[in-house]
């Protein structure tokens, strides 16, 4: 009977996917353990103290105020959602070509994990950065906590397709694949993102914190101690770790109050947090901060008398949120929403 045959096929496919998931999770647990041990071993003596960065940086940290700026939050491996918000921003046309002219676009990290389209998103932003520069604009994609999780070998949040994408010969998916293929795919992803790996080198072209005009952009939030440490220094040392030029990330980078993990300004923000924000902004010589990382309900929100703007609206398929972005023109800040 057709119905029985169809049901059997669906059951077989689901069984294959479940079997692949089990193998993946075992391989991932082993990979995460190896990554943690390797990082702990490399950093057993503590991070090497270096003097504050002086002279030329590999990538600038501060940029002049543009005529128009649009900031977008976490994308998490969803290409269609990425396209929608880029079109909402006026950055790309229907063929994904740059149409923003002198627009400056900032994406505050977490392009990776939770979705199947990570390589396509990385490729798109790399191309748009070149095209925007040629047109007099700019694209600044920052690294978030999920970028650094992958660099550490913590690939728990990747999808099955997210492993398959990084095989030397990519396969359509891992459902029903033999265990050796599944394990090879997990290792391929870990090797692609490990310090010095091809994807880590790609991430090394990005900042953790950027200041455009009088606005600070960061994935989680910059606390006063990070501002005092120096965002130029933090960016440079993070790049050196990604390129495997130093064995450890800077101490402040990956802590719970670090710039890619802090939720002081995005969740249950109170007066004490607002005082921290004011102090950090003063040290950085800026007026406001724009952060992602913590999903806001329905749209972009603000806090601390609009000195912080939270732009992670969970727009990816994983969260099912709306397309929304933040526009800054001069001193005017406006929330962009999809019609």
C-alpha atoms as a PDB file:
ATOM      1  CA  UNK A   1       0.000   0.000   0.000  1.00  0.00           C
ATOM      2  CA  UNK A   2       1.312   3.491  -0.868  1.00  0.00           C
ATOM      3  CA  UNK A   3       0.553   4.812   2.605  1.00  0.00           C
ATOM      4  CA  UNK A   4       2.493   2.020   4.280  1.00  0.00           C
ATOM      5  CA  UNK A   5       5.464   2.465   1.909  1.00  0.00           C
ATOM      6  CA  UNK A   6       5.557   6.218   2.516  1.00  0.00           C
ATOM      7  CA  UNK A   7       5.337   5.763   6.269  1.00  0.00           C
ATOM      8  CA  UNK A   8       8.182   3.260   6.194  1.00  0.00           C
ATOM      9  CA  UNK A   9      10.390   5.674   4.243  1.00  0.00           C
ATOM     10  CA  UNK A  10       9.695   8.507   6.660  1.00  0.00           C
ATOM     11  CA  UNK A  11      10.349   6.224   9.602  1.00  0.00           C
ATOM     12  CA  UNK A  12      13.612   5.054   8.051  1.00  0.00           C
ATOM     13  CA  UNK A  13      14.755   8.608   7.365  1.00  0.00           C
ATOM     14  CA  UNK A  14      13.927   9.700  10.901  1.00  0.00           C
ATOM     15  CA  UNK A  15      15.666   6.632  12.286  1.00  0.00           C
ATOM     16  CA  UNK A  16      18.736   7.495  10.201  1.00  0.00           C
ATOM     17  CA  UNK A  17      18.738  11.058  11.458  1.00  0.00           C
ATOM     18  CA  UNK A  18      18.385   9.910  15.053  1.00  0.00           C
ATOM     19  CA  UNK A  19      21.231   7.439  14.623  1.00  0.00           C
ATOM     20  CA  UNK A  20      23.386  10.199  13.132  1.00  0.00           C
ATOM     21  CA  UNK A  21      22.504  12.530  15.998  1.00  0.00           C
ATOM     22  CA  UNK A  22      23.608   9.933  18.543  1.00  0.00           C
ATOM     23  CA  UNK A  23      26.955   9.455  16.796  1.00  0.00           C
ATOM     24  CA  UNK A  24      27.345  13.222  16.451  1.00  0.00           C
ATOM     25  CA  UNK A  25      26.659  13.870  20.125  1.00  0.00           C
ATOM     26  CA  UNK A  26      29.197  11.247  21.175  1.00  0.00           C
ATOM     27  CA  UNK A  27      31.788  12.722  18.826  1.00  0.00           C
ATOM     28  CA  UNK A  28      30.921  16.250  19.934  1.00  0.00           C
ATOM     29  CA  UNK A  29      31.268  15.403  23.615  1.00  0.00           C
ATOM     30  CA  UNK A  30      34.685  13.918  22.893  1.00  0.00           C
ATOM     31  CA  UNK A  31      35.658  16.923  20.751  1.00  0.00           C
ATOM     32  CA  UNK A  32      34.546  19.423  23.398  1.00  0.00           C
ATOM     33  CA  UNK A  33      36.492  17.519  26.055  1.00  0.00           C
ATOM     34  CA  UNK A  34      39.611  17.521  23.877  1.00  0.00           C
ATOM     35  CA  UNK A  35      39.170  21.235  23.156  1.00  0.00           C
ATOM     36  CA  UNK A  36      38.780  22.111  26.827  1.00  0.00           C
ATOM     37  CA  UNK A  37      41.803  20.015  27.800  1.00  0.00           C
ATOM     38  CA  UNK A  38      43.943  21.497  25.006  1.00  0.00           C
ATOM     39  CA  UNK A  39      43.008  25.066  25.908  1.00  0.00           C
ATOM     40  CA  UNK A  40      43.537  24.445  29.618  1.00  0.00           C
ATOM     41  CA  UNK A  41      46.922  22.846  28.929  1.00  0.00           C
ATOM     42  CA  UNK A  42      48.024  25.674  26.645  1.00  0.00           C
ATOM     43  CA  UNK A  43      46.957  28.266  29.193  1.00  0.00           C
ATOM     44  CA  UNK A  44      48.052  26.388  32.310  1.00  0.00           C
ATOM     45  CA  UNK A  45      50.663  29.003  33.100  1.00  0.00           C
ATOM     46  CA  UNK A  46      48.203  31.845  32.609  1.00  0.00           C
ATOM     47  CA  UNK A  47      47.976  34.204  29.673  1.00  0.00           C
ATOM     48  CA  UNK A  48      51.201  35.940  28.808  1.00  0.00           C
ATOM     49  CA  UNK A  49      50.997  39.592  29.782  1.00  0.00           C
ATOM     50  CA  UNK A  50      51.723  41.905  26.896  1.00  0.00           C
ATOM     51  CA  UNK A  51      52.031  45.653  26.803  1.00  0.00           C
ATOM     52  CA  UNK A  52      49.099  47.677  25.546  1.00  0.00           C
ATOM     53  CA  UNK A  53      48.934  47.751  21.754  1.00  0.00           C
ATOM     54  CA  UNK A  54      50.769  50.657  20.204  1.00  0.00           C
ATOM     55  CA  UNK A  55      51.235  51.598  16.588  1.00  0.00           C
ATOM     56  CA  UNK A  56      49.332  50.180  13.632  1.00  0.00           C
ATOM     57  CA  UNK A  57      46.611  47.562  14.173  1.00  0.00           C
ATOM     58  CA  UNK A  58      45.805  44.762  11.754  1.00  0.00           C
ATOM     59  CA  UNK A  59      42.207  46.001  11.654  1.00  0.00           C
ATOM     60  CA  UNK A  60      40.998  49.407  12.809  1.00  0.00           C
ATOM     61  CA  UNK A  61      38.744  49.507  15.859  1.00  0.00           C
ATOM     62  CA  UNK A  62      37.341  53.041  15.481  1.00  0.00           C
ATOM     63  CA  UNK A  63      35.628  54.451  12.406  1.00  0.00           C
ATOM     64  CA  UNK A  64      34.137  57.853  11.537  1.00  0.00           C
ATOM     65  CA  UNK A  65      30.403  58.464  11.742  1.00  0.00           C
ATOM     66  CA  UNK A  66      28.731  57.717   8.387  1.00  0.00           C
ATOM     67  CA  UNK A  67      25.773  59.425   6.780  1.00  0.00           C
ATOM     68  CA  UNK A  68      23.636  56.371   7.607  1.00  0.00           C
ATOM     69  CA  UNK A  69      24.313  53.244   9.674  1.00  0.00           C
ATOM     70  CA  UNK A  70      22.230  50.110  10.188  1.00  0.00           C
ATOM     71  CA  UNK A  71      23.003  47.466  12.816  1.00  0.00           C
ATOM     72  CA  UNK A  72      21.620  43.926  12.779  1.00  0.00           C
ATOM     73  CA  UNK A  73      21.819  41.235  15.430  1.00  0.00           C
ATOM     74  CA  UNK A  74      22.301  37.460  15.652  1.00  0.00           C
ATOM     75  CA  UNK A  75      21.755  35.480  12.429  1.00  0.00           C
ATOM     76  CA  UNK A  76      22.469  31.903  13.548  1.00  0.00           C
ATOM     77  CA  UNK A  77      22.902  30.109  10.258  1.00  0.00           C
ATOM     78  CA  UNK A  78      19.681  31.238   8.564  1.00  0.00           C
ATOM     79  CA  UNK A  79      20.426  32.623   5.098  1.00  0.00           C
ATOM     80  CA  UNK A  80      16.855  33.570   4.200  1.00  0.00           C
ATOM     81  CA  UNK A  81      16.384  35.496   7.443  1.00  0.00           C
ATOM     82  CA  UNK A  82      19.742  37.157   6.791  1.00  0.00           C
ATOM     83  CA  UNK A  83      18.640  38.217   3.317  1.00  0.00           C
ATOM     84  CA  UNK A  84      15.367  39.606   4.667  1.00  0.00           C
ATOM     85  CA  UNK A  85      17.019  41.802   7.281  1.00  0.00           C
ATOM     86  CA  UNK A  86      19.694  42.977   4.820  1.00  0.00           C
ATOM     87  CA  UNK A  87      16.946  44.053   2.423  1.00  0.00           C
ATOM     88  CA  UNK A  88      15.109  45.743   5.275  1.00  0.00           C
ATOM     89  CA  UNK A  89      18.333  47.667   5.919  1.00  0.00           C
ATOM     90  CA  UNK A  90      18.548  48.710   2.261  1.00  0.00           C
ATOM     91  CA  UNK A  91      21.870  46.875   1.974  1.00  0.00           C
ATOM     92  CA  UNK A  92      21.172  44.315  -0.773  1.00  0.00           C
ATOM     93  CA  UNK A  93      18.920  43.910  -3.798  1.00  0.00           C
ATOM     94  CA  UNK A  94      16.914  40.859  -4.843  1.00  0.00           C
ATOM     95  CA  UNK A  95      20.074  39.251  -6.259  1.00  0.00           C
ATOM     96  CA  UNK A  96      22.041  39.816  -3.044  1.00  0.00           C
ATOM     97  CA  UNK A  97      24.065  42.584  -4.671  1.00  0.00           C
ATOM     98  CA  UNK A  98      25.185  45.575  -2.591  1.00  0.00           C
ATOM     99  CA  UNK A  99      22.800  48.492  -3.097  1.00  0.00           C
ATOM    100  CA  UNK A 100      23.585  50.444   0.066  1.00  0.00           C
ATOM    101  CA  UNK A 101      25.987  52.948  -1.500  1.00  0.00           C
ATOM    102  CA  UNK A 102      27.758  54.676   1.394  1.00  0.00           C
ATOM    103  CA  UNK A 103      25.721  52.792   4.021  1.00  0.00           C
ATOM    104  CA  UNK A 104      27.704  51.387   6.959  1.00  0.00           C
ATOM    105  CA  UNK A 105      26.334  48.023   8.089  1.00  0.00           C
ATOM    106  CA  UNK A 106      27.282  46.484  11.448  1.00  0.00           C
ATOM    107  CA  UNK A 107      26.455  42.888  12.376  1.00  0.00           C
ATOM    108  CA  UNK A 108      27.099  42.154  16.046  1.00  0.00           C
ATOM    109  CA  UNK A 109      28.146  38.500  15.807  1.00  0.00           C
ATOM    110  CA  UNK A 110      26.670  35.007  16.115  1.00  0.00           C
ATOM    111  CA  UNK A 111      26.460  34.166  12.450  1.00  0.00           C
ATOM    112  CA  UNK A 112      27.324  30.586  13.428  1.00  0.00           C
ATOM    113  CA  UNK A 113      25.381  27.673  14.990  1.00  0.00           C
ATOM    114  CA  UNK A 114      21.711  26.688  15.226  1.00  0.00           C
ATOM    115  CA  UNK A 115      21.175  26.809  11.425  1.00  0.00           C
ATOM    116  CA  UNK A 116      22.266  25.076   8.220  1.00  0.00           C
ATOM    117  CA  UNK A 117      23.527  28.039   6.146  1.00  0.00           C
ATOM    118  CA  UNK A 118      26.722  29.117   7.913  1.00  0.00           C
ATOM    119  CA  UNK A 119      29.156  28.924   4.933  1.00  0.00           C
ATOM    120  CA  UNK A 120      26.726  30.832   2.737  1.00  0.00           C
ATOM    121  CA  UNK A 121      26.367  33.604   5.334  1.00  0.00           C
ATOM    122  CA  UNK A 122      30.131  33.859   5.870  1.00  0.00           C
ATOM    123  CA  UNK A 123      30.654  34.029   2.101  1.00  0.00           C
ATOM    124  CA  UNK A 124      27.904  36.643   1.693  1.00  0.00           C
ATOM    125  CA  UNK A 125      29.346  38.984   4.320  1.00  0.00           C
ATOM    126  CA  UNK A 126      32.850  38.597   2.937  1.00  0.00           C
ATOM    127  CA  UNK A 127      31.646  39.594  -0.530  1.00  0.00           C
ATOM    128  CA  UNK A 128      29.427  42.417   0.727  1.00  0.00           C
ATOM    129  CA  UNK A 129      32.348  43.899   2.690  1.00  0.00           C
ATOM    130  CA  UNK A 130      34.359  44.215  -0.531  1.00  0.00           C
ATOM    131  CA  UNK A 131      31.443  45.549  -2.571  1.00  0.00           C
ATOM    132  CA  UNK A 132      30.439  48.052   0.119  1.00  0.00           C
ATOM    133  CA  UNK A 133      33.978  49.405   0.358  1.00  0.00           C
ATOM    134  CA  UNK A 134      34.098  49.845  -3.423  1.00  0.00           C
ATOM    135  CA  UNK A 135      30.834  51.831  -3.237  1.00  0.00           C
ATOM    136  CA  UNK A 136      32.021  54.106  -0.400  1.00  0.00           C
ATOM    137  CA  UNK A 137      30.286  52.201   2.403  1.00  0.00           C
ATOM    138  CA  UNK A 138      31.419  49.504   4.823  1.00  0.00           C
ATOM    139  CA  UNK A 139      30.382  46.220   6.412  1.00  0.00           C
ATOM    140  CA  UNK A 140      31.636  45.438   9.922  1.00  0.00           C
ATOM    141  CA  UNK A 141      30.847  41.876  11.031  1.00  0.00           C
ATOM    142  CA  UNK A 142      31.890  41.224  14.633  1.00  0.00           C
ATOM    143  CA  UNK A 143      32.675  37.977  16.430  1.00  0.00           C
ATOM    144  CA  UNK A 144      30.198  36.781  19.043  1.00  0.00           C
ATOM    145  CA  UNK A 145      30.272  34.029  21.630  1.00  0.00           C
ATOM    146  CA  UNK A 146      29.230  31.365  19.111  1.00  0.00           C
ATOM    147  CA  UNK A 147      32.150  32.186  16.841  1.00  0.00           C
ATOM    148  CA  UNK A 148      34.524  31.741  19.770  1.00  0.00           C
ATOM    149  CA  UNK A 149      32.754  28.583  20.991  1.00  0.00           C
ATOM    150  CA  UNK A 150      33.583  26.980  17.660  1.00  0.00           C
ATOM    151  CA  UNK A 151      37.180  28.171  17.848  1.00  0.00           C
ATOM    152  CA  UNK A 152      37.440  26.473  21.255  1.00  0.00           C
ATOM    153  CA  UNK A 153      36.138  23.249  19.718  1.00  0.00           C
ATOM    154  CA  UNK A 154      32.730  23.528  21.373  1.00  0.00           C
ATOM    155  CA  UNK A 155      30.461  22.544  18.498  1.00  0.00           C
ATOM    156  CA  UNK A 156      27.405  21.486  20.516  1.00  0.00           C
ATOM    157  CA  UNK A 157      25.161  24.031  18.815  1.00  0.00           C
ATOM    158  CA  UNK A 158      25.892  23.052  15.208  1.00  0.00           C
ATOM    159  CA  UNK A 159      23.226  21.272  13.171  1.00  0.00           C
ATOM    160  CA  UNK A 160      23.831  17.996  11.336  1.00  0.00           C
ATOM    161  CA  UNK A 161      24.229  19.919   8.078  1.00  0.00           C
ATOM    162  CA  UNK A 162      26.549  22.298   9.908  1.00  0.00           C
ATOM    163  CA  UNK A 163      29.007  19.438  10.319  1.00  0.00           C
ATOM    164  CA  UNK A 164      28.625  18.112   6.784  1.00  0.00           C
ATOM    165  CA  UNK A 165      29.435  21.550   5.316  1.00  0.00           C
ATOM    166  CA  UNK A 166      33.075  21.370   6.391  1.00  0.00           C
ATOM    167  CA  UNK A 167      34.013  17.966   5.005  1.00  0.00           C
ATOM    168  CA  UNK A 168      36.665  18.092   2.281  1.00  0.00           C
ATOM    169  CA  UNK A 169      33.970  16.765  -0.035  1.00  0.00           C
ATOM    170  CA  UNK A 170      30.716  18.137   1.430  1.00  0.00           C
ATOM    171  CA  UNK A 171      27.737  15.786   1.505  1.00  0.00           C
ATOM    172  CA  UNK A 172      24.038  16.797   1.363  1.00  0.00           C
ATOM    173  CA  UNK A 173      23.482  15.736   4.960  1.00  0.00           C
ATOM    174  CA  UNK A 174      24.416  13.216   7.616  1.00  0.00           C
ATOM    175  CA  UNK A 175      21.054  11.479   8.018  1.00  0.00           C
ATOM    176  CA  UNK A 176      21.751   7.785   7.712  1.00  0.00           C
ATOM    177  CA  UNK A 177      25.448   8.327   7.022  1.00  0.00           C
ATOM    178  CA  UNK A 178      27.869   5.695   8.344  1.00  0.00           C
ATOM    179  CA  UNK A 179      29.437   6.499  11.728  1.00  0.00           C
ATOM    180  CA  UNK A 180      32.880   7.083  10.208  1.00  0.00           C
ATOM    181  CA  UNK A 181      31.446   9.813   7.947  1.00  0.00           C
ATOM    182  CA  UNK A 182      29.648  11.451  10.873  1.00  0.00           C
ATOM    183  CA  UNK A 183      32.798  11.436  13.013  1.00  0.00           C
ATOM    184  CA  UNK A 184      34.853  12.766  10.085  1.00  0.00           C
ATOM    185  CA  UNK A 185      32.351  15.623   9.679  1.00  0.00           C
ATOM    186  CA  UNK A 186      32.557  16.581  13.364  1.00  0.00           C
ATOM    187  CA  UNK A 187      36.356  16.576  13.230  1.00  0.00           C
ATOM    188  CA  UNK A 188      36.296  18.556   9.971  1.00  0.00           C
ATOM    189  CA  UNK A 189      34.318  21.331  11.618  1.00  0.00           C
ATOM    190  CA  UNK A 190      36.557  21.383  14.683  1.00  0.00           C
ATOM    191  CA  UNK A 191      39.678  21.570  12.479  1.00  0.00           C
ATOM    192  CA  UNK A 192      38.175  24.305  10.287  1.00  0.00           C
ATOM    193  CA  UNK A 193      37.560  26.587  13.275  1.00  0.00           C
ATOM    194  CA  UNK A 194      40.504  25.762  15.537  1.00  0.00           C
ATOM    195  CA  UNK A 195      43.094  28.550  15.932  1.00  0.00           C
ATOM    196  CA  UNK A 196      45.016  28.760  12.674  1.00  0.00           C
ATOM    197  CA  UNK A 197      42.331  26.809  10.783  1.00  0.00           C
ATOM    198  CA  UNK A 198      40.817  28.258   7.586  1.00  0.00           C
ATOM    199  CA  UNK A 199      37.599  29.462   9.210  1.00  0.00           C
ATOM    200  CA  UNK A 200      39.400  30.839  12.270  1.00  0.00           C
ATOM    201  CA  UNK A 201      41.630  32.847   9.919  1.00  0.00           C
ATOM    202  CA  UNK A 202      38.509  34.234   8.309  1.00  0.00           C
ATOM    203  CA  UNK A 203      37.163  35.246  11.729  1.00  0.00           C
ATOM    204  CA  UNK A 204      40.533  36.848  12.514  1.00  0.00           C
ATOM    205  CA  UNK A 205      39.718  39.638  10.052  1.00  0.00           C
ATOM    206  CA  UNK A 206      36.884  40.744  12.359  1.00  0.00           C
ATOM    207  CA  UNK A 207      36.766  42.765  15.554  1.00  0.00           C
ATOM    208  CA  UNK A 208      35.161  41.886  18.861  1.00  0.00           C
ATOM    209  CA  UNK A 209      34.347  45.539  19.590  1.00  0.00           C
ATOM    210  CA  UNK A 210      33.996  48.379  17.093  1.00  0.00           C
ATOM    211  CA  UNK A 211      33.263  52.081  17.604  1.00  0.00           C
ATOM    212  CA  UNK A 212      31.568  53.889  14.729  1.00  0.00           C
ATOM    213  CA  UNK A 213      31.118  57.584  15.334  1.00  0.00           C
ATOM    214  CA  UNK A 214      29.960  57.841  18.959  1.00  0.00           C
ATOM    215  CA  UNK A 215      28.420  54.340  19.129  1.00  0.00           C
ATOM    216  CA  UNK A 216      30.052  51.185  20.514  1.00  0.00           C
ATOM    217  CA  UNK A 217      29.083  47.886  18.877  1.00  0.00           C
ATOM    218  CA  UNK A 218      29.695  44.545  20.602  1.00  0.00           C
ATOM    219  CA  UNK A 219      27.991  41.191  20.904  1.00  0.00           C
ATOM    220  CA  UNK A 220      27.444  41.017  24.670  1.00  0.00           C
ATOM    221  CA  UNK A 221      28.594  44.261  26.277  1.00  0.00           C
ATOM    222  CA  UNK A 222      31.694  46.209  27.271  1.00  0.00           C
ATOM    223  CA  UNK A 223      32.121  46.601  31.017  1.00  0.00           C
ATOM    224  CA  UNK A 224      34.429  49.294  32.498  1.00  0.00           C
ATOM    225  CA  UNK A 225      37.232  46.777  33.123  1.00  0.00           C
ATOM    226  CA  UNK A 226      37.236  45.850  29.434  1.00  0.00           C
ATOM    227  CA  UNK A 227      37.256  49.510  28.403  1.00  0.00           C
ATOM    228  CA  UNK A 228      40.163  50.091  30.762  1.00  0.00           C
ATOM    229  CA  UNK A 229      42.035  47.084  29.347  1.00  0.00           C
ATOM    230  CA  UNK A 230      41.653  48.659  25.916  1.00  0.00           C
ATOM    231  CA  UNK A 231      39.366  47.520  23.125  1.00  0.00           C
ATOM    232  CA  UNK A 232      42.153  47.921  20.553  1.00  0.00           C
ATOM    233  CA  UNK A 233      44.327  45.596  22.618  1.00  0.00           C
ATOM    234  CA  UNK A 234      41.476  43.126  23.100  1.00  0.00           C
ATOM    235  CA  UNK A 235      40.733  43.042  19.375  1.00  0.00           C
ATOM    236  CA  UNK A 236      44.371  42.568  18.449  1.00  0.00           C
ATOM    237  CA  UNK A 237      45.037  39.829  20.994  1.00  0.00           C
ATOM    238  CA  UNK A 238      41.857  38.021  19.938  1.00  0.00           C
ATOM    239  CA  UNK A 239      43.058  38.080  16.331  1.00  0.00           C
ATOM    240  CA  UNK A 240      46.442  36.721  17.375  1.00  0.00           C
ATOM    241  CA  UNK A 241      44.747  33.803  19.148  1.00  0.00           C
ATOM    242  CA  UNK A 242      42.542  33.081  16.126  1.00  0.00           C
ATOM    243  CA  UNK A 243      45.652  33.009  13.947  1.00  0.00           C
ATOM    244  CA  UNK A 244      47.389  30.657  16.445  1.00  0.00           C
ATOM    245  CA  UNK A 245      50.035  33.312  17.111  1.00  0.00           C
ATOM    246  CA  UNK A 246      49.334  33.088  20.839  1.00  0.00           C
ATOM    247  CA  UNK A 247      48.287  29.996  22.774  1.00  0.00           C
ATOM    248  CA  UNK A 248      45.517  31.590  24.851  1.00  0.00           C
ATOM    249  CA  UNK A 249      42.746  34.093  24.283  1.00  0.00           C
ATOM    250  CA  UNK A 250      42.971  37.290  26.329  1.00  0.00           C
ATOM    251  CA  UNK A 251      41.656  36.595  29.831  1.00  0.00           C
ATOM    252  CA  UNK A 252      38.814  39.093  29.600  1.00  0.00           C
ATOM    253  CA  UNK A 253      37.453  37.799  26.291  1.00  0.00           C
ATOM    254  CA  UNK A 254      35.584  34.638  27.243  1.00  0.00           C
ATOM    255  CA  UNK A 255      34.660  35.180  30.894  1.00  0.00           C
ATOM    256  CA  UNK A 256      30.997  35.497  31.941  1.00  0.00           C
ATOM    257  CA  UNK A 257      31.409  39.282  32.094  1.00  0.00           C
ATOM    258  CA  UNK A 258      33.477  39.403  28.911  1.00  0.00           C
ATOM    259  CA  UNK A 259      32.407  41.342  25.822  1.00  0.00           C
ATOM    260  CA  UNK A 260      30.849  38.353  24.048  1.00  0.00           C
ATOM    261  CA  UNK A 261      29.103  36.814  27.084  1.00  0.00           C
ATOM    262  CA  UNK A 262      27.954  39.682  29.316  1.00  0.00           C
ATOM    263  CA  UNK A 263      24.207  40.258  29.672  1.00  0.00           C
ATOM    264  CA  UNK A 264      24.483  43.205  32.053  1.00  0.00           C
ATOM    265  CA  UNK A 265      22.952  45.568  29.510  1.00  0.00           C
ATOM    266  CA  UNK A 266      20.520  43.186  27.809  1.00  0.00           C
ATOM    267  CA  UNK A 267      18.758  41.153  30.508  1.00  0.00           C
ATOM    268  CA  UNK A 268      17.212  42.314  33.786  1.00  0.00           C
ATOM    269  CA  UNK A 269      19.205  45.534  33.519  1.00  0.00           C
ATOM    270  CA  UNK A 270      19.044  47.580  36.733  1.00  0.00           C
ATOM    271  CA  UNK A 271      20.448  50.888  37.964  1.00  0.00           C
ATOM    272  CA  UNK A 272      23.768  49.307  38.887  1.00  0.00           C
ATOM    273  CA  UNK A 273      24.125  47.997  35.335  1.00  0.00           C
ATOM    274  CA  UNK A 274      23.287  51.436  33.948  1.00  0.00           C
ATOM    275  CA  UNK A 275      26.038  52.946  36.094  1.00  0.00           C
ATOM    276  CA  UNK A 276      28.471  50.376  34.679  1.00  0.00           C
ATOM    277  CA  UNK A 277      27.343  51.313  31.189  1.00  0.00           C
ATOM    278  CA  UNK A 278      27.815  55.032  31.835  1.00  0.00           C
ATOM    279  CA  UNK A 279      31.317  54.404  33.185  1.00  0.00           C
ATOM    280  CA  UNK A 280      32.271  52.207  30.228  1.00  0.00           C
ATOM    281  CA  UNK A 281      30.954  54.723  27.704  1.00  0.00           C
ATOM    282  CA  UNK A 282      32.860  57.528  29.380  1.00  0.00           C
ATOM    283  CA  UNK A 283      36.089  55.527  29.219  1.00  0.00           C
ATOM    284  CA  UNK A 284      35.443  54.765  25.555  1.00  0.00           C
ATOM    285  CA  UNK A 285      34.454  58.336  24.675  1.00  0.00           C
ATOM    286  CA  UNK A 286      31.101  57.190  23.294  1.00  0.00           C
ATOM    287  CA  UNK A 287      27.425  58.061  23.778  1.00  0.00           C
ATOM    288  CA  UNK A 288      25.674  54.714  23.342  1.00  0.00           C
ATOM    289  CA  UNK A 289      26.240  50.972  23.018  1.00  0.00           C
ATOM    290  CA  UNK A 290      24.542  48.492  20.678  1.00  0.00           C
ATOM    291  CA  UNK A 291      24.502  44.827  21.725  1.00  0.00           C
ATOM    292  CA  UNK A 292      23.129  41.477  20.551  1.00  0.00           C
ATOM    293  CA  UNK A 293      23.338  38.104  22.355  1.00  0.00           C
ATOM    294  CA  UNK A 294      20.081  38.224  24.344  1.00  0.00           C
ATOM    295  CA  UNK A 295      16.884  37.684  22.366  1.00  0.00           C
ATOM    296  CA  UNK A 296      14.388  40.512  22.794  1.00  0.00           C
ATOM    297  CA  UNK A 297      10.694  39.868  22.407  1.00  0.00           C
ATOM    298  CA  UNK A 298       9.171  41.084  19.133  1.00  0.00           C
ATOM    299  CA  UNK A 299      11.558  43.972  18.348  1.00  0.00           C
ATOM    300  CA  UNK A 300      14.711  45.932  19.138  1.00  0.00           C
ATOM    301  CA  UNK A 301      14.602  47.433  22.652  1.00  0.00           C
ATOM    302  CA  UNK A 302      16.534  50.079  24.566  1.00  0.00           C
ATOM    303  CA  UNK A 303      17.532  50.696  28.173  1.00  0.00           C
ATOM    304  CA  UNK A 304      19.390  53.064  30.475  1.00  0.00           C
ATOM    305  CA  UNK A 305      17.692  56.122  28.933  1.00  0.00           C
ATOM    306  CA  UNK A 306      18.458  54.849  25.410  1.00  0.00           C
ATOM    307  CA  UNK A 307      22.181  54.595  26.092  1.00  0.00           C
ATOM    308  CA  UNK A 308      22.021  50.886  25.208  1.00  0.00           C
ATOM    309  CA  UNK A 309      20.155  49.346  22.302  1.00  0.00           C
ATOM    310  CA  UNK A 310      19.515  45.583  22.134  1.00  0.00           C
ATOM    311  CA  UNK A 311      19.223  44.297  18.594  1.00  0.00           C
ATOM    312  CA  UNK A 312      19.028  40.499  18.888  1.00  0.00           C
ATOM    313  CA  UNK A 313      15.402  39.856  17.971  1.00  0.00           C
ATOM    314  CA  UNK A 314      15.802  36.111  17.372  1.00  0.00           C
ATOM    315  CA  UNK A 315      15.207  36.565  13.653  1.00  0.00           C
ATOM    316  CA  UNK A 316      16.587  33.148  12.662  1.00  0.00           C
ATOM    317  CA  UNK A 317      14.451  30.085  12.044  1.00  0.00           C
ATOM    318  CA  UNK A 318      15.662  28.606  15.328  1.00  0.00           C
ATOM    319  CA  UNK A 319      13.923  31.343  17.336  1.00  0.00           C
ATOM    320  CA  UNK A 320      11.207  32.429  14.903  1.00  0.00           C
ATOM    321  CA  UNK A 321      11.502  36.151  15.632  1.00  0.00           C
ATOM    322  CA  UNK A 322      10.763  39.052  13.256  1.00  0.00           C
ATOM    323  CA  UNK A 323      13.057  40.992  10.955  1.00  0.00           C
ATOM    324  CA  UNK A 324      14.132  44.124  12.796  1.00  0.00           C
ATOM    325  CA  UNK A 325      17.222  46.326  12.794  1.00  0.00           C
ATOM    326  CA  UNK A 326      18.519  49.613  14.164  1.00  0.00           C
ATOM    327  CA  UNK A 327      19.154  52.684  12.026  1.00  0.00           C
ATOM    328  CA  UNK A 328      21.356  55.591  13.134  1.00  0.00           C
ATOM    329  CA  UNK A 329      21.379  58.803  11.114  1.00  0.00           C
ATOM    330  CA  UNK A 330      23.226  61.623  12.830  1.00  0.00           C
ATOM    331  CA  UNK A 331      21.864  61.713  16.387  1.00  0.00           C
ATOM    332  CA  UNK A 332      18.583  60.063  15.393  1.00  0.00           C
ATOM    333  CA  UNK A 333      18.073  56.382  16.264  1.00  0.00           C
ATOM    334  CA  UNK A 334      15.189  54.497  14.686  1.00  0.00           C
ATOM    335  CA  UNK A 335      13.969  50.902  14.821  1.00  0.00           C
ATOM    336  CA  UNK A 336      13.406  49.307  11.409  1.00  0.00           C
ATOM    337  CA  UNK A 337      10.648  46.722  11.221  1.00  0.00           C
ATOM    338  CA  UNK A 338       9.515  44.470   8.400  1.00  0.00           C
ATOM    339  CA  UNK A 339       6.085  45.475   7.055  1.00  0.00           C
END
